[in-house]
PDB file of N, CA and C in Angstrom:
ATOM      1  N   VAL A   1      57.282-150.262-155.752  1.00  0.00           N
ATOM      2  CA  VAL A   1      57.630-148.892-156.649  1.00  0.00           C
ATOM      3  C   VAL A   1      57.609-147.316-155.057  1.00  0.00           C
ATOM      4  N   GLN A   2      57.913-146.596-154.707  1.00  0.00           N
ATOM      5  CA  GLN A   2      57.751-145.103-153.931  1.00  0.00           C
ATOM      6  C   GLN A   2      57.326-143.901-154.369  1.00  0.00           C
ATOM      7  N   LEU A   3      56.609-143.651-153.089  1.00  0.00           N
ATOM      8  CA  LEU A   3      55.698-142.936-153.273  1.00  0.00           C
ATOM      9  C   LEU A   3      55.982-141.329-152.206  1.00  0.00           C
ATOM     10  N   GLN A   4      55.702-140.054-152.813  1.00  0.00           N
ATOM     11  CA  GLN A   4      56.019-139.258-152.315  1.00  0.00           C
ATOM     12  C   GLN A   4      54.967-138.241-152.697  1.00  0.00           C
ATOM     13  N   ALA A   5      54.593-137.501-151.285  1.00  0.00           N
ATOM     14  CA  ALA A   5      53.607-137.068-150.684  1.00  0.00           C
ATOM     15  C   ALA A   5      53.508-134.734-150.957  1.00  0.00           C
ATOM     16  N   SER A   6      53.785-134.672-151.420  1.00  0.00           N
ATOM     17  CA  SER A   6      53.347-132.834-150.925  1.00  0.00           C
ATOM     18  C   SER A   6      52.217-132.548-150.929  1.00  0.00           C
ATOM     19  N   GLY A   7      52.277-131.228-150.860  1.00  0.00           N
ATOM     20  CA  GLY A   7      51.017-130.089-150.752  1.00  0.00           C
ATOM     21  C   GLY A   7      50.098-129.190-149.796  1.00  0.00           C
ATOM     22  N   GLY A   8      50.954-130.313-148.204  1.00  0.00           N
ATOM     23  CA  GLY A   8      50.579-130.331-146.752  1.00  0.00           C
ATOM     24  C   GLY A   8      50.520-128.800-147.002  1.00  0.00           C
ATOM     25  N   GLY A   9      50.065-128.506-145.649  1.00  0.00           N
ATOM     26  CA  GLY A   9      49.603-126.820-145.440  1.00  0.00           C
ATOM     27  C   GLY A   9      48.846-126.712-143.594  1.00  0.00           C
ATOM     28  N   LEU A  10      49.248-125.394-143.935  1.00  0.00           N
ATOM     29  CA  LEU A  10      47.833-124.618-142.803  1.00  0.00           C
ATOM     30  C   LEU A  10      46.781-124.213-143.821  1.00  0.00           C
ATOM     31  N   VAL A  11      45.686-124.451-143.249  1.00  0.00           N
ATOM     32  CA  VAL A  11      44.581-123.655-143.873  1.00  0.00           C
ATOM     33  C   VAL A  11      43.330-123.043-143.742  1.00  0.00           C
ATOM     34  N   GLN A  12      42.510-122.467-143.318  1.00  0.00           N
ATOM     35  CA  GLN A  12      41.721-121.774-142.459  1.00  0.00           C
ATOM     36  C   GLN A  12      40.733-122.568-142.857  1.00  0.00           C
ATOM     37  N   ALA A  13      39.316-123.112-142.189  1.00  0.00           N
ATOM     38  CA  ALA A  13      38.734-123.514-142.355  1.00  0.00           C
ATOM     39  C   ALA A  13      37.728-123.198-143.706  1.00  0.00           C
ATOM     40  N   GLY A  14      37.368-124.244-144.203  1.00  0.00           N
ATOM     41  CA  GLY A  14      36.891-123.466-145.969  1.00  0.00           C
ATOM     42  C   GLY A  14      37.893-122.892-147.998  1.00  0.00           C
ATOM     43  N   GLY A  15      38.708-123.151-146.869  1.00  0.00           N
ATOM     44  CA  GLY A  15      39.827-122.777-147.142  1.00  0.00           C
ATOM     45  C   GLY A  15      39.816-124.608-148.151  1.00  0.00           C
ATOM     46  N   SER A  16      40.828-124.383-149.301  1.00  0.00           N
ATOM     47  CA  SER A  16      41.157-125.857-150.049  1.00  0.00           C
ATOM     48  C   SER A  16      42.493-125.914-150.080  1.00  0.00           C
ATOM     49  N   LEU A  17      42.962-126.890-150.321  1.00  0.00           N
ATOM     50  CA  LEU A  17      44.074-127.358-150.592  1.00  0.00           C
ATOM     51  C   LEU A  17      44.191-128.603-152.131  1.00  0.00           C
ATOM     52  N   ARG A  18      45.720-128.656-152.920  1.00  0.00           N
ATOM     53  CA  ARG A  18      45.532-129.738-153.523  1.00  0.00           C
ATOM     54  C   ARG A  18      46.680-130.397-153.656  1.00  0.00           C
ATOM     55  N   LEU A  19      46.953-131.726-152.680  1.00  0.00           N
ATOM     56  CA  LEU A  19      48.107-133.019-152.153  1.00  0.00           C
ATOM     57  C   LEU A  19      47.774-134.024-153.591  1.00  0.00           C
ATOM     58  N   SER A  20      49.544-134.072-153.963  1.00  0.00           N
ATOM     59  CA  SER A  20      50.219-134.766-155.067  1.00  0.00           C
ATOM     60  C   SER A  20      51.431-135.913-154.465  1.00  0.00           C
ATOM     61  N   CYS A  21      50.760-136.350-155.121  1.00  0.00           N
ATOM     62  CA  CYS A  21      51.623-137.348-154.952  1.00  0.00           C
ATOM     63  C   CYS A  21      52.373-138.271-156.069  1.00  0.00           C
ATOM     64  N   ALA A  22      53.851-137.945-156.012  1.00  0.00           N
ATOM     65  CA  ALA A  22      54.561-138.026-156.478  1.00  0.00           C
ATOM     66  C   ALA A  22      55.069-139.620-157.232  1.00  0.00           C
ATOM     67  N   ALA A  23      54.952-140.999-157.987  1.00  0.00           N
ATOM     68  CA  ALA A  23      55.575-142.594-158.067  1.00  0.00           C
ATOM     69  C   ALA A  23      56.652-142.768-158.691  1.00  0.00           C
ATOM     70  N   SER A  24      57.333-143.125-158.827  1.00  0.00           N
ATOM     71  CA  SER A  24      58.681-143.946-159.203  1.00  0.00           C
ATOM     72  C   SER A  24      57.931-145.019-160.376  1.00  0.00           C
ATOM     73  N   GLY A  25      58.909-145.681-160.889  1.00  0.00           N
ATOM     74  CA  GLY A  25      58.373-146.986-161.274  1.00  0.00           C
ATOM     75  C   GLY A  25      57.835-145.649-163.220  1.00  0.00           C
ATOM     76  N   ARG A  26      57.957-147.788-163.675  1.00  0.00           N
ATOM     77  CA  ARG A  26      57.437-147.388-164.662  1.00  0.00           C
ATOM     78  C   ARG A  26      55.989-148.266-165.076  1.00  0.00           C
ATOM     79  N   THR A  27      56.180-148.360-163.763  1.00  0.00           N
ATOM     80  CA  THR A  27      54.093-149.115-163.915  1.00  0.00           C
ATOM     81  C   THR A  27      53.281-148.444-163.050  1.00  0.00           C
ATOM     82  N   PHE A  28      53.682-147.353-162.872  1.00  0.00           N
ATOM     83  CA  PHE A  28      52.292-146.649-162.106  1.00  0.00           C
ATOM     84  C   PHE A  28      51.012-146.504-162.880  1.00  0.00           C
ATOM     85  N   ARG A  29      51.512-146.754-164.287  1.00  0.00           N
ATOM     86  CA  ARG A  29      49.849-146.110-164.513  1.00  0.00           C
ATOM     87  C   ARG A  29      49.407-148.257-164.887  1.00  0.00           C
ATOM     88  N   ASN A  30      49.818-149.220-164.469  1.00  0.00           N
ATOM     89  CA  ASN A  30      48.843-150.470-163.429  1.00  0.00           C
ATOM     90  C   ASN A  30      48.332-150.385-162.089  1.00  0.00           C
ATOM     91  N   TYR A  31      48.667-149.452-161.187  1.00  0.00           N
ATOM     92  CA  TYR A  31      48.580-149.075-159.906  1.00  0.00           C
ATOM     93  C   TYR A  31      47.194-148.739-159.367  1.00  0.00           C
ATOM     94  N   ASP A  32      46.021-149.093-159.258  1.00  0.00           N
ATOM     95  CA  ASP A  32      45.389-148.792-158.467  1.00  0.00           C
ATOM     96  C   ASP A  32      45.763-147.203-157.169  1.00  0.00           C
ATOM     97  N   MET A  33      45.439-146.669-157.158  1.00  0.00           N
ATOM     98  CA  MET A  33      46.188-145.274-156.606  1.00  0.00           C
ATOM     99  C   MET A  33      45.367-145.059-155.118  1.00  0.00           C
ATOM    100  N   GLY A  34      45.275-144.910-153.484  1.00  0.00           N
ATOM    101  CA  GLY A  34      44.591-143.520-153.121  1.00  0.00           C
ATOM    102  C   GLY A  34      45.003-143.222-152.171  1.00  0.00           C
ATOM    103  N   TRP A  35      44.466-142.393-151.138  1.00  0.00           N
ATOM    104  CA  TRP A  35      44.903-141.196-150.060  1.00  0.00           C
ATOM    105  C   TRP A  35      44.286-141.955-148.502  1.00  0.00           C
ATOM    106  N   PHE A  36      45.324-142.138-147.689  1.00  0.00           N
ATOM    107  CA  PHE A  36      44.967-142.683-145.983  1.00  0.00           C
ATOM    108  C   PHE A  36      45.120-141.010-144.646  1.00  0.00           C
ATOM    109  N   ARG A  37      44.124-141.037-144.459  1.00  0.00           N
ATOM    110  CA  ARG A  37      45.029-139.679-142.943  1.00  0.00           C
ATOM    111  C   ARG A  37      45.109-140.645-141.961  1.00  0.00           C
ATOM    112  N   GLN A  38      45.656-139.819-141.349  1.00  0.00           N
ATOM    113  CA  GLN A  38      46.033-140.636-139.626  1.00  0.00           C
ATOM    114  C   GLN A  38      45.276-138.679-138.595  1.00  0.00           C
ATOM    115  N   ALA A  39      44.217-138.644-137.577  1.00  0.00           N
ATOM    116  CA  ALA A  39      44.737-137.435-137.884  1.00  0.00           C
ATOM    117  C   ALA A  39      45.223-137.969-135.736  1.00  0.00           C
ATOM    118  N   PRO A  40      45.770-137.169-135.430  1.00  0.00           N
ATOM    119  CA  PRO A  40      46.369-137.154-134.197  1.00  0.00           C
ATOM    120  C   PRO A  40      45.085-138.055-133.142  1.00  0.00           C
ATOM    121  N   GLY A  41      46.033-139.441-132.643  1.00  0.00           N
ATOM    122  CA  GLY A  41      45.061-138.725-131.301  1.00  0.00           C
ATOM    123  C   GLY A  41      43.800-140.809-131.931  1.00  0.00           C
ATOM    124  N   LYS A  42      44.593-140.632-133.510  1.00  0.00           N
ATOM    125  CA  LYS A  42      43.461-141.506-134.303  1.00  0.00           C
ATOM    126  C   LYS A  42      43.617-142.842-134.292  1.00  0.00           C
ATOM    127  N   GLU A  43      42.495-143.607-135.426  1.00  0.00           N
ATOM    128  CA  GLU A  43      43.350-144.574-136.340  1.00  0.00           C
ATOM    129  C   GLU A  43      43.125-143.990-137.854  1.00  0.00           C
ATOM    130  N   ARG A  44      44.219-144.599-138.258  1.00  0.00           N
ATOM    131  CA  ARG A  44      44.446-144.778-139.262  1.00  0.00           C
ATOM    132  C   ARG A  44      43.034-144.627-139.916  1.00  0.00           C
ATOM    133  N   GLU A  45      42.761-143.714-141.372  1.00  0.00           N
ATOM    134  CA  GLU A  45      41.252-144.143-141.688  1.00  0.00           C
ATOM    135  C   GLU A  45      41.868-144.218-143.621  1.00  0.00           C
ATOM    136  N   PHE A  46      40.820-144.448-144.061  1.00  0.00           N
ATOM    137  CA  PHE A  46      40.996-144.289-145.813  1.00  0.00           C
ATOM    138  C   PHE A  46      39.754-143.584-146.053  1.00  0.00           C
ATOM    139  N   VAL A  47      40.527-142.735-147.334  1.00  0.00           N
ATOM    140  CA  VAL A  47      40.190-141.150-147.497  1.00  0.00           C
ATOM    141  C   VAL A  47      40.414-140.775-148.654  1.00  0.00           C
ATOM    142  N   ALA A  48      40.346-142.092-150.600  1.00  0.00           N
ATOM    143  CA  ALA A  48      39.753-141.793-151.292  1.00  0.00           C
ATOM    144  C   ALA A  48      39.993-142.956-151.899  1.00  0.00           C
ATOM    145  N   PHE A  49      39.856-143.332-153.001  1.00  0.00           N
ATOM    146  CA  PHE A  49      40.560-144.501-153.766  1.00  0.00           C
ATOM    147  C   PHE A  49      40.443-144.436-155.730  1.00  0.00           C
ATOM    148  N   ILE A  50      41.631-144.393-156.084  1.00  0.00           N
ATOM    149  CA  ILE A  50      41.031-144.038-157.813  1.00  0.00           C
ATOM    150  C   ILE A  50      42.005-145.523-158.304  1.00  0.00           C
ATOM    151  N   VAL A  51      41.235-146.203-158.785  1.00  0.00           N
ATOM    152  CA  VAL A  51      41.888-147.428-160.027  1.00  0.00           C
ATOM    153  C   VAL A  51      42.505-146.827-161.225  1.00  0.00           C
ATOM    154  N   TRP A  52      43.561-147.388-161.246  1.00  0.00           N
ATOM    155  CA  TRP A  52      44.952-147.417-162.704  1.00  0.00           C
ATOM    156  C   TRP A  52      44.453-146.511-163.782  1.00  0.00           C
ATOM    157  N   SER A  53      42.655-146.545-164.661  1.00  0.00           N
ATOM    158  CA  SER A  53      42.707-145.665-165.579  1.00  0.00           C
ATOM    159  C   SER A  53      41.743-144.487-164.994  1.00  0.00           C
ATOM    160  N   GLY A  54      41.971-144.640-163.764  1.00  0.00           N
ATOM    161  CA  GLY A  54      40.810-143.579-163.553  1.00  0.00           C
ATOM    162  C   GLY A  54      39.317-143.207-163.637  1.00  0.00           C
ATOM    163  N   SER A  55      38.870-143.984-164.061  1.00  0.00           N
ATOM    164  CA  SER A  55      37.416-144.690-164.041  1.00  0.00           C
ATOM    165  C   SER A  55      36.205-144.694-163.208  1.00  0.00           C
ATOM    166  N   SER A  56      36.809-145.486-162.168  1.00  0.00           N
ATOM    167  CA  SER A  56      36.345-144.923-160.932  1.00  0.00           C
ATOM    168  C   SER A  56      36.937-144.124-160.040  1.00  0.00           C
ATOM    169  N   THR A  57      35.729-143.624-159.080  1.00  0.00           N
ATOM    170  CA  THR A  57      36.700-143.705-158.021  1.00  0.00           C
ATOM    171  C   THR A  57      36.084-143.514-156.490  1.00  0.00           C
ATOM    172  N   TYR A  58      36.568-143.602-155.101  1.00  0.00           N
ATOM    173  CA  TYR A  58      35.622-144.738-154.544  1.00  0.00           C
ATOM    174  C   TYR A  58      36.200-142.798-153.400  1.00  0.00           C
ATOM    175  N   TYR A  59      34.938-142.097-152.474  1.00  0.00           N
ATOM    176  CA  TYR A  59      35.871-141.237-151.244  1.00  0.00           C
ATOM    177  C   TYR A  59      35.026-141.922-149.684  1.00  0.00           C
ATOM    178  N   ALA A  60      35.447-141.703-148.735  1.00  0.00           N
ATOM    179  CA  ALA A  60      34.403-141.568-147.585  1.00  0.00           C
ATOM    180  C   ALA A  60      33.533-140.361-147.823  1.00  0.00           C
ATOM    181  N   ASP A  61      32.134-141.298-146.741  1.00  0.00           N
ATOM    182  CA  ASP A  61      32.064-140.522-146.526  1.00  0.00           C
ATOM    183  C   ASP A  61      31.330-138.875-146.018  1.00  0.00           C
ATOM    184  N   SER A  62      32.900-139.037-145.158  1.00  0.00           N
ATOM    185  CA  SER A  62      33.455-137.886-144.575  1.00  0.00           C
ATOM    186  C   SER A  62      33.039-136.611-145.064  1.00  0.00           C
ATOM    187  N   VAL A  63      34.351-137.392-146.339  1.00  0.00           N
ATOM    188  CA  VAL A  63      35.200-136.270-147.814  1.00  0.00           C
ATOM    189  C   VAL A  63      33.857-136.343-148.704  1.00  0.00           C
ATOM    190  N   LYS A  64      33.222-136.462-149.211  1.00  0.00           N
ATOM    191  CA  LYS A  64      32.302-137.069-150.210  1.00  0.00           C
ATOM    192  C   LYS A  64      31.692-135.988-150.711  1.00  0.00           C
ATOM    193  N   SER A  65      32.425-135.812-152.348  1.00  0.00           N
ATOM    194  CA  SER A  65      31.338-133.655-152.341  1.00  0.00           C
ATOM    195  C   SER A  65      32.268-133.139-152.335  1.00  0.00           C
ATOM    196  N   ARG A  66      33.858-132.829-151.180  1.00  0.00           N
ATOM    197  CA  ARG A  66      34.365-132.101-150.820  1.00  0.00           C
ATOM    198  C   ARG A  66      35.670-132.050-151.630  1.00  0.00           C
ATOM    199  N   PHE A  67      36.884-133.395-151.379  1.00  0.00           N
ATOM    200  CA  PHE A  67      37.268-133.710-152.093  1.00  0.00           C
ATOM    201  C   PHE A  67      37.782-134.453-153.940  1.00  0.00           C
ATOM    202  N   THR A  68      38.216-133.982-154.147  1.00  0.00           N
ATOM    203  CA  THR A  68      37.767-135.016-155.833  1.00  0.00           C
ATOM    204  C   THR A  68      40.119-136.047-155.904  1.00  0.00           C
ATOM    205  N   ILE A  69      39.640-136.735-155.617  1.00  0.00           N
ATOM    206  CA  ILE A  69      40.754-137.203-156.237  1.00  0.00           C
ATOM    207  C   ILE A  69      41.438-138.220-158.224  1.00  0.00           C
ATOM    208  N   SER A  70      42.091-137.785-158.309  1.00  0.00           N
ATOM    209  CA  SER A  70      42.071-137.641-159.588  1.00  0.00           C
ATOM    210  C   SER A  70      44.374-138.330-159.666  1.00  0.00           C
ATOM    211  N   ARG A  71      44.167-138.293-161.060  1.00  0.00           N
ATOM    212  CA  ARG A  71      45.829-139.140-161.724  1.00  0.00           C
ATOM    213  C   ARG A  71      45.922-138.413-163.078  1.00  0.00           C
ATOM    214  N   ASN A  72      47.106-138.488-163.360  1.00  0.00           N
ATOM    215  CA  ASN A  72      48.116-138.320-164.841  1.00  0.00           C
ATOM    216  C   ASN A  72      48.729-138.770-164.734  1.00  0.00           C
ATOM    217  N   ASN A  73      48.837-139.935-165.615  1.00  0.00           N
ATOM    218  CA  ASN A  73      49.584-141.443-165.733  1.00  0.00           C
ATOM    219  C   ASN A  73      50.650-140.964-166.693  1.00  0.00           C
ATOM    220  N   THR A  74      51.104-140.407-167.148  1.00  0.00           N
ATOM    221  CA  THR A  74      51.832-139.612-167.772  1.00  0.00           C
ATOM    222  C   THR A  74      53.134-138.527-166.745  1.00  0.00           C
ATOM    223  N   LYS A  75      52.743-138.496-166.151  1.00  0.00           N
ATOM    224  CA  LYS A  75      53.471-137.481-164.799  1.00  0.00           C
ATOM    225  C   LYS A  75      53.408-138.234-163.731  1.00  0.00           C
ATOM    226  N   ASN A  76      52.857-139.783-163.842  1.00  0.00           N
ATOM    227  CA  ASN A  76      53.521-140.769-162.329  1.00  0.00           C
ATOM    228  C   ASN A  76      52.875-139.989-160.971  1.00  0.00           C
ATOM    229  N   THR A  77      51.386-139.326-161.083  1.00  0.00           N
ATOM    230  CA  THR A  77      51.109-138.268-160.143  1.00  0.00           C
ATOM    231  C   THR A  77      49.634-138.590-160.001  1.00  0.00           C
ATOM    232  N   VAL A  78      49.170-138.804-158.667  1.00  0.00           N
ATOM    233  CA  VAL A  78      48.274-139.121-158.176  1.00  0.00           C
ATOM    234  C   VAL A  78      47.776-137.020-157.394  1.00  0.00           C
ATOM    235  N   TYR A  79      46.509-136.632-157.481  1.00  0.00           N
ATOM    236  CA  TYR A  79      45.959-135.407-157.324  1.00  0.00           C
ATOM    237  C   TYR A  79      44.731-135.442-155.448  1.00  0.00           C
ATOM    238  N   LEU A  80      44.921-135.101-154.570  1.00  0.00           N
ATOM    239  CA  LEU A  80      44.177-134.981-154.219  1.00  0.00           C
ATOM    240  C   LEU A  80      43.687-133.487-153.921  1.00  0.00           C
ATOM    241  N   GLN A  81      42.670-132.767-154.856  1.00  0.00           N
ATOM    242  CA  GLN A  81      41.897-131.585-154.146  1.00  0.00           C
ATOM    243  C   GLN A  81      40.501-131.380-153.329  1.00  0.00           C
ATOM    244  N   MET A  82      41.539-130.522-152.070  1.00  0.00           N
ATOM    245  CA  MET A  82      40.099-130.625-151.302  1.00  0.00           C
ATOM    246  C   MET A  82      39.961-129.184-151.575  1.00  0.00           C
ATOM    247  N   ASN A  83      38.500-129.404-151.148  1.00  0.00           N
ATOM    248  CA  ASN A  83      37.705-127.861-150.968  1.00  0.00           C
ATOM    249  C   ASN A  83      36.745-128.049-149.335  1.00  0.00           C
ATOM    250  N   SER A  84      36.508-126.877-149.065  1.00  0.00           N
ATOM    251  CA  SER A  84      35.169-127.220-148.057  1.00  0.00           C
ATOM    252  C   SER A  84      36.454-127.699-145.988  1.00  0.00           C
ATOM    253  N   LEU A  85      37.502-127.428-146.654  1.00  0.00           N
ATOM    254  CA  LEU A  85      38.177-128.181-145.705  1.00  0.00           C
ATOM    255  C   LEU A  85      38.247-127.830-143.859  1.00  0.00           C
ATOM    256  N   LYS A  86      37.557-128.320-143.803  1.00  0.00           N
ATOM    257  CA  LYS A  86      37.072-128.187-141.598  1.00  0.00           C
ATOM    258  C   LYS A  86      38.089-128.886-141.020  1.00  0.00           C
ATOM    259  N   PRO A  87      38.220-128.456-139.600  1.00  0.00           N
ATOM    260  CA  PRO A  87      39.052-128.275-138.371  1.00  0.00           C
ATOM    261  C   PRO A  87      39.572-130.382-138.965  1.00  0.00           C
ATOM    262  N   GLU A  88      37.688-130.529-138.983  1.00  0.00           N
ATOM    263  CA  GLU A  88      38.041-132.143-138.851  1.00  0.00           C
ATOM    264  C   GLU A  88      38.939-132.802-139.811  1.00  0.00           C
ATOM    265  N   ASP A  89      39.338-132.201-140.339  1.00  0.00           N
ATOM    266  CA  ASP A  89      40.406-132.613-141.463  1.00  0.00           C
ATOM    267  C   ASP A  89      41.887-132.510-141.653  1.00  0.00           C
ATOM    268  N   THR A  90      42.308-132.066-139.949  1.00  0.00           N
ATOM    269  CA  THR A  90      43.431-131.768-139.825  1.00  0.00           C
ATOM    270  C   THR A  90      43.882-133.025-139.335  1.00  0.00           C
ATOM    271  N   ALA A  91      44.765-133.494-140.228  1.00  0.00           N
ATOM    272  CA  ALA A  91      46.284-134.903-140.074  1.00  0.00           C
ATOM    273  C   ALA A  91      46.928-135.261-141.740  1.00  0.00           C
ATOM    274  N   VAL A  92      47.769-136.646-140.518  1.00  0.00           N
ATOM    275  CA  VAL A  92      49.288-136.509-141.737  1.00  0.00           C
ATOM    276  C   VAL A  92      48.619-137.578-142.576  1.00  0.00           C
ATOM    277  N   TYR A  93      48.089-136.822-144.147  1.00  0.00           N
ATOM    278  CA  TYR A  93      47.954-137.841-145.494  1.00  0.00           C
ATOM    279  C   TYR A  93      48.773-138.281-146.145  1.00  0.00           C
ATOM    280  N   TYR A  94      47.869-139.878-147.115  1.00  0.00           N
ATOM    281  CA  TYR A  94      49.794-140.382-146.951  1.00  0.00           C
ATOM    282  C   TYR A  94      48.938-140.783-148.196  1.00  0.00           C
ATOM    283  N   CYS A  95      49.263-140.961-148.996  1.00  0.00           N
ATOM    284  CA  CYS A  95      49.419-141.701-150.388  1.00  0.00           C
ATOM    285  C   CYS A  95      49.736-143.043-150.457  1.00  0.00           C
ATOM    286  N   THR A  96      48.889-143.985-151.447  1.00  0.00           N
ATOM    287  CA  THR A  96      49.019-145.683-150.615  1.00  0.00           C
ATOM    288  C   THR A  96      48.758-145.622-152.826  1.00  0.00           C
ATOM    289  N   ALA A  97      48.761-146.982-153.507  1.00  0.00           N
ATOM    290  CA  ALA A  97      49.397-147.894-154.473  1.00  0.00           C
ATOM    291  C   ALA A  97      49.143-148.964-154.350  1.00  0.00           C
ATOM    292  N   SER A  98      47.965-149.700-155.282  1.00  0.00           N
ATOM    293  CA  SER A  98      48.166-151.485-155.615  1.00  0.00           C
ATOM    294  C   SER A  98      47.651-151.894-154.297  1.00  0.00           C
ATOM    295  N   GLY A  99      46.586-153.655-154.669  1.00  0.00           N
ATOM    296  CA  GLY A  99      46.237-153.850-152.969  1.00  0.00           C
ATOM    297  C   GLY A  99      45.316-153.376-153.719  1.00  0.00           C
ATOM    298  N   ASN A 100      44.572-153.363-152.341  1.00  0.00           N
ATOM    299  CA  ASN A 100      42.335-153.359-152.211  1.00  0.00           C
ATOM    300  C   ASN A 100      42.435-151.167-152.118  1.00  0.00           C
ATOM    301  N   VAL A 101      40.836-151.571-152.492  1.00  0.00           N
ATOM    302  CA  VAL A 101      40.645-150.608-151.250  1.00  0.00           C
ATOM    303  C   VAL A 101      40.943-150.102-150.001  1.00  0.00           C
ATOM    304  N   TYR A 102      41.503-150.758-149.286  1.00  0.00           N
ATOM    305  CA  TYR A 102      41.082-150.107-147.832  1.00  0.00           C
ATOM    306  C   TYR A 102      42.532-150.897-147.079  1.00  0.00           C
ATOM    307  N   ASP A 103      43.141-151.935-148.367  1.00  0.00           N
ATOM    308  CA  ASP A 103      44.395-152.187-147.630  1.00  0.00           C
ATOM    309  C   ASP A 103      45.136-152.147-148.335  1.00  0.00           C
ATOM    310  N   PRO A 104      46.027-151.794-149.293  1.00  0.00           N
ATOM    311  CA  PRO A 104      46.623-150.623-150.323  1.00  0.00           C
ATOM    312  C   PRO A 104      48.967-151.885-149.477  1.00  0.00           C
ATOM    313  N   ASP A 105      49.064-151.657-151.347  1.00  0.00           N
ATOM    314  CA  ASP A 105      50.125-152.775-150.331  1.00  0.00           C
ATOM    315  C   ASP A 105      52.039-151.583-150.182  1.00  0.00           C
ATOM    316  N   TYR A 106      51.916-150.597-150.853  1.00  0.00           N
ATOM    317  CA  TYR A 106      52.717-149.434-150.786  1.00  0.00           C
ATOM    318  C   TYR A 106      52.166-148.178-149.755  1.00  0.00           C
ATOM    319  N   TRP A 107      52.929-147.326-149.505  1.00  0.00           N
ATOM    320  CA  TRP A 107      52.506-146.612-148.392  1.00  0.00           C
ATOM    321  C   TRP A 107      53.447-145.340-148.525  1.00  0.00           C
ATOM    322  N   GLY A 108      53.791-144.307-148.848  1.00  0.00           N
ATOM    323  CA  GLY A 108      54.796-142.940-148.690  1.00  0.00           C
ATOM    324  C   GLY A 108      54.648-142.198-147.591  1.00  0.00           C
ATOM    325  N   LYS A 109      55.693-140.767-147.579  1.00  0.00           N
ATOM    326  CA  LYS A 109      55.595-141.381-145.802  1.00  0.00           C
ATOM    327  C   LYS A 109      54.501-139.286-146.044  1.00  0.00           C
ATOM    328  N   GLY A 110      54.015-139.211-145.181  1.00  0.00           N
ATOM    329  CA  GLY A 110      52.848-138.477-144.754  1.00  0.00           C
ATOM    330  C   GLY A 110      53.232-136.972-145.289  1.00  0.00           C
ATOM    331  N   THR A 111      51.949-136.288-145.273  1.00  0.00           N
ATOM    332  CA  THR A 111      52.360-134.563-145.526  1.00  0.00           C
ATOM    333  C   THR A 111      50.686-134.388-144.929  1.00  0.00           C
ATOM    334  N   GLN A 112      51.468-133.363-143.753  1.00  0.00           N
ATOM    335  CA  GLN A 112      50.432-132.681-142.784  1.00  0.00           C
ATOM    336  C   GLN A 112      49.394-131.298-143.547  1.00  0.00           C
ATOM    337  N   VAL A 113      48.492-131.457-142.801  1.00  0.00           N
ATOM    338  CA  VAL A 113      47.663-130.555-143.728  1.00  0.00           C
ATOM    339  C   VAL A 113      46.489-130.745-142.082  1.00  0.00           C
ATOM    340  N   THR A 114      47.552-129.384-141.126  1.00  0.00           N
ATOM    341  CA  THR A 114      46.259-128.806-140.761  1.00  0.00           C
ATOM    342  C   THR A 114      45.000-127.402-141.252  1.00  0.00           C
ATOM    343  N   VAL A 115      43.863-127.800-140.735  1.00  0.00           N
ATOM    344  CA  VAL A 115      42.894-126.750-140.734  1.00  0.00           C
ATOM    345  C   VAL A 115      42.292-126.508-139.896  1.00  0.00           C
ATOM    346  N   SER A 116      42.517-124.408-139.761  1.00  0.00           N
ATOM    347  CA  SER A 116      41.851-123.749-138.210  1.00  0.00           C
ATOM    348  C   SER A 116      40.889-123.307-138.714  1.00  0.00           C
ATOM    349  N   SER A 117      40.228-123.492-136.914  1.00  0.00           N
ATOM    350  CA  SER A 117      38.460-122.887-137.620  1.00  0.00           C
ATOM    351  C   SER A 117      38.900-121.145-137.398  1.00  0.00           C
TER     352      SER A 117
END
């Protein structure tokens, strides 16, 4: 599966962004999907995860109640709605597919999110 993330940009603290990830392949609906991020000088970290049906989601404590992951299986797309953004959310965000929550099989190219204070 190929993954293409988009929607990143520059936003002020307290603002919102919605990331999208378009996946190729007819079996998208079979994949659990996720988002990770990597800030400058830091290790890549888990952000959010959604199972193939959309019935269950998981979040890192740092983004819980601010970020929402969702998916549209008819559009082969997964989303990450990010609200109340903080400067510490600044990172390159990566879309992932399959595997387990913390060790996905597939990674897309990232999209840069920058939150100014």
